[in-house]
C-alpha atoms as a PDB file:
ATOM      1  CA  MET A   1      10.261 -21.656 -10.228  1.00  0.00           C
ATOM      2  CA  PHE A   2       8.764 -19.722 -13.022  1.00  0.00           C
ATOM      3  CA  ALA A   3       5.276 -20.630 -11.769  1.00  0.00           C
ATOM      4  CA  LEU A   4       6.380 -19.628  -8.368  1.00  0.00           C
ATOM      5  CA  LEU A   5       7.175 -16.375  -9.431  1.00  0.00           C
ATOM      6  CA  ALA A   6       4.362 -15.812 -11.718  1.00  0.00           C
ATOM      7  CA  LEU A   7       1.962 -16.913  -8.842  1.00  0.00           C
ATOM      8  CA  GLY A   8       3.570 -14.159  -6.897  1.00  0.00           C
ATOM      9  CA  GLY A   9       3.259 -11.791  -9.423  1.00  0.00           C
ATOM     10  CA  ASP A  10      -0.766 -12.526  -9.561  1.00  0.00           C
ATOM     11  CA  ILE A  11      -1.403 -12.209  -6.441  1.00  0.00           C
ATOM     12  CA  GLY A  12       0.106  -9.104  -6.087  1.00  0.00           C
ATOM     13  CA  CYS A  13      -1.589  -7.433  -8.603  1.00  0.00           C
ATOM     14  CA  SER A  14      -4.792  -8.520  -7.829  1.00  0.00           C
ATOM     15  CA  PHE A  15      -4.224  -7.760  -4.111  1.00  0.00           C
ATOM     16  CA  GLY A  16      -2.611  -4.085  -4.681  1.00  0.00           C
ATOM     17  CA  PRO A  17      -6.122  -2.875  -6.273  1.00  0.00           C
ATOM     18  CA  TRP A  18      -8.210  -4.796  -4.300  1.00  0.00           C
ATOM     19  CA  LEU A  19      -6.414  -2.792  -0.990  1.00  0.00           C
ATOM     20  CA  THR A  20      -6.490   0.144  -2.695  1.00  0.00           C
ATOM     21  CA  GLY A  21     -10.411   0.300  -3.506  1.00  0.00           C
ATOM     22  CA  THR A  22     -10.787  -1.223  -0.129  1.00  0.00           C
ATOM     23  CA  VAL A  23      -9.037   1.673   1.928  1.00  0.00           C
ATOM     24  CA  SER A  24     -11.085   4.759  -0.542  1.00  0.00           C
ATOM     25  CA  ASP A  25     -14.358   2.926   0.157  1.00  0.00           C
ATOM     26  CA  ALA A  26     -13.596   3.105   3.980  1.00  0.00           C
ATOM     27  CA  VAL A  27     -12.360   6.382   3.836  1.00  0.00           C
ATOM     28  CA  MET A  28     -15.240   7.732   1.920  1.00  0.00           C
ATOM     29  CA  ASN A  29     -17.463   5.785   4.153  1.00  0.00           C
ATOM     30  CA  MET A  30     -16.272   7.276   7.321  1.00  0.00           C
ATOM     31  CA  TYR A  31     -16.572  10.410   6.090  1.00  0.00           C
ATOM     32  CA  PHE A  32     -19.885  11.291   7.000  1.00  0.00           C
ATOM     33  CA  LYS A  33     -19.643   9.966   9.925  1.00  0.00           C
ATOM     34  CA  THR A  34     -16.274  11.230  11.593  1.00  0.00           C
ATOM     35  CA  PRO A  35     -15.839  15.093  12.350  1.00  0.00           C
ATOM     36  CA  TYR A  36     -12.062  14.479  12.107  1.00  0.00           C
ATOM     37  CA  LEU A  37     -12.134  13.573   8.610  1.00  0.00           C
ATOM     38  CA  GLN A  38     -13.992  16.140   7.159  1.00  0.00           C
ATOM     39  CA  GLY A  39     -11.802  18.608   9.036  1.00  0.00           C
ATOM     40  CA  ILE A  40      -9.036  17.314   7.162  1.00  0.00           C
ATOM     41  CA  ALA A  41     -10.895  17.166   3.436  1.00  0.00           C
ATOM     42  CA  THR A  42     -12.310  20.804   4.337  1.00  0.00           C
ATOM     43  CA  GLY A  43      -8.649  22.088   5.202  1.00  0.00           C
ATOM     44  CA  ALA A  44      -6.884  20.489   1.829  1.00  0.00           C
ATOM     45  CA  GLY A  45     -10.040  21.494   0.178  1.00  0.00           C
ATOM     46  CA  LEU A  46     -11.060  18.066  -0.940  1.00  0.00           C
ATOM     47  CA  ASP A  47     -14.280  16.588  -0.927  1.00  0.00           C
ATOM     48  CA  ALA A  48     -15.321  12.700   0.378  1.00  0.00           C
ATOM     49  CA  GLU A  49     -14.176  10.970  -3.303  1.00  0.00           C
ATOM     50  CA  GLN A  50     -10.704  12.803  -3.337  1.00  0.00           C
ATOM     51  CA  LEU A  51      -9.793  11.855   0.132  1.00  0.00           C
ATOM     52  CA  GLY A  52     -11.001   8.250  -0.144  1.00  0.00           C
ATOM     53  CA  LEU A  53      -9.032   8.042  -3.687  1.00  0.00           C
ATOM     54  CA  ARG A  54      -5.738   9.865  -1.779  1.00  0.00           C
ATOM     55  CA  CYS A  55      -6.205   7.715   1.172  1.00  0.00           C
ATOM     56  CA  GLY A  56      -5.945   4.494  -0.603  1.00  0.00           C
ATOM     57  CA  PHE A  57      -2.902   5.668  -2.997  1.00  0.00           C
ATOM     58  CA  LEU A  58      -1.428   6.255   0.325  1.00  0.00           C
ATOM     59  CA  ALA A  59      -2.058   2.550   1.428  1.00  0.00           C
ATOM     60  CA  ALA A  60      -0.826   1.098  -2.158  1.00  0.00           C
ATOM     61  CA  SER A  61       2.590   2.920  -1.428  1.00  0.00           C
ATOM     62  CA  ALA A  62       3.258   0.447   1.269  1.00  0.00           C
ATOM     63  CA  PHE A  63       4.369  -2.358  -1.480  1.00  0.00           C
ATOM     64  CA  PRO A  64       6.600  -0.340  -3.505  1.00  0.00           C
ATOM     65  CA  LEU A  65       7.941   0.308   0.195  1.00  0.00           C
ATOM     66  CA  LEU A  66       7.794  -2.769   1.262  1.00  0.00           C
ATOM     67  CA  MET A  67      10.049  -3.953  -1.949  1.00  0.00           C
ATOM     68  CA  ILE A  68      12.706  -1.822  -1.016  1.00  0.00           C
ATOM     69  CA  LEU A  69      12.978  -3.525   2.651  1.00  0.00           C
ATOM     70  CA  GLY A  70      12.983  -6.793   1.907  1.00  0.00           C
ATOM     71  CA  VAL A  71      15.297  -6.052  -0.981  1.00  0.00           C
ATOM     72  CA  VAL A  72      17.598  -4.361   1.951  1.00  0.00           C
ATOM     73  CA  VAL A  73      17.119  -7.003   4.075  1.00  0.00           C
ATOM     74  CA  LEU A  74      17.713  -9.685   1.574  1.00  0.00           C
ATOM     75  CA  SER A  75      21.005  -7.923   0.609  1.00  0.00           C
ATOM     76  CA  LYS A  76      22.270  -7.928   4.048  1.00  0.00           C
ATOM     77  CA  ALA A  77      21.255 -11.181   4.077  1.00  0.00           C
ATOM     78  CA  GLY A  78      23.417 -12.446   1.188  1.00  0.00           C
ATOM     79  CA  LYS A  79      26.729 -10.472   2.684  1.00  0.00           C
ATOM     80  CA  ARG A  80      26.364 -12.211   5.704  1.00  0.00           C
ATOM     81  CA  ILE A  81      25.963 -15.677   4.194  1.00  0.00           C
ATOM     82  CA  ASN A  82      28.836 -14.867   1.661  1.00  0.00           C
ATOM     83  CA  GLU A  83      31.309 -13.587   4.541  1.00  0.00           C
ATOM     84  CA  LYS A  84      30.819 -16.963   6.240  1.00  0.00           C
ATOM     85  CA  ILE A  85      31.642 -18.894   3.109  1.00  0.00           C
END
């Protein structure tokens, strides 16, 4: 059981930073090709790197949200199982 939990933690710790960097690089590359992104960045007073990093952090915020959603779903499922018993 410990090995499975450790594997899950290792996957999460490697996938999260990878996703953040990938999204950040993609936004920075699209910045110079998309006037819409340039308008957003200019309106917020950001350059390409800052916009890319903020979008990467926004993508990384999905992990805590997914964890909260999973805890809520599992707690409701646990309550249903306990009611049947």
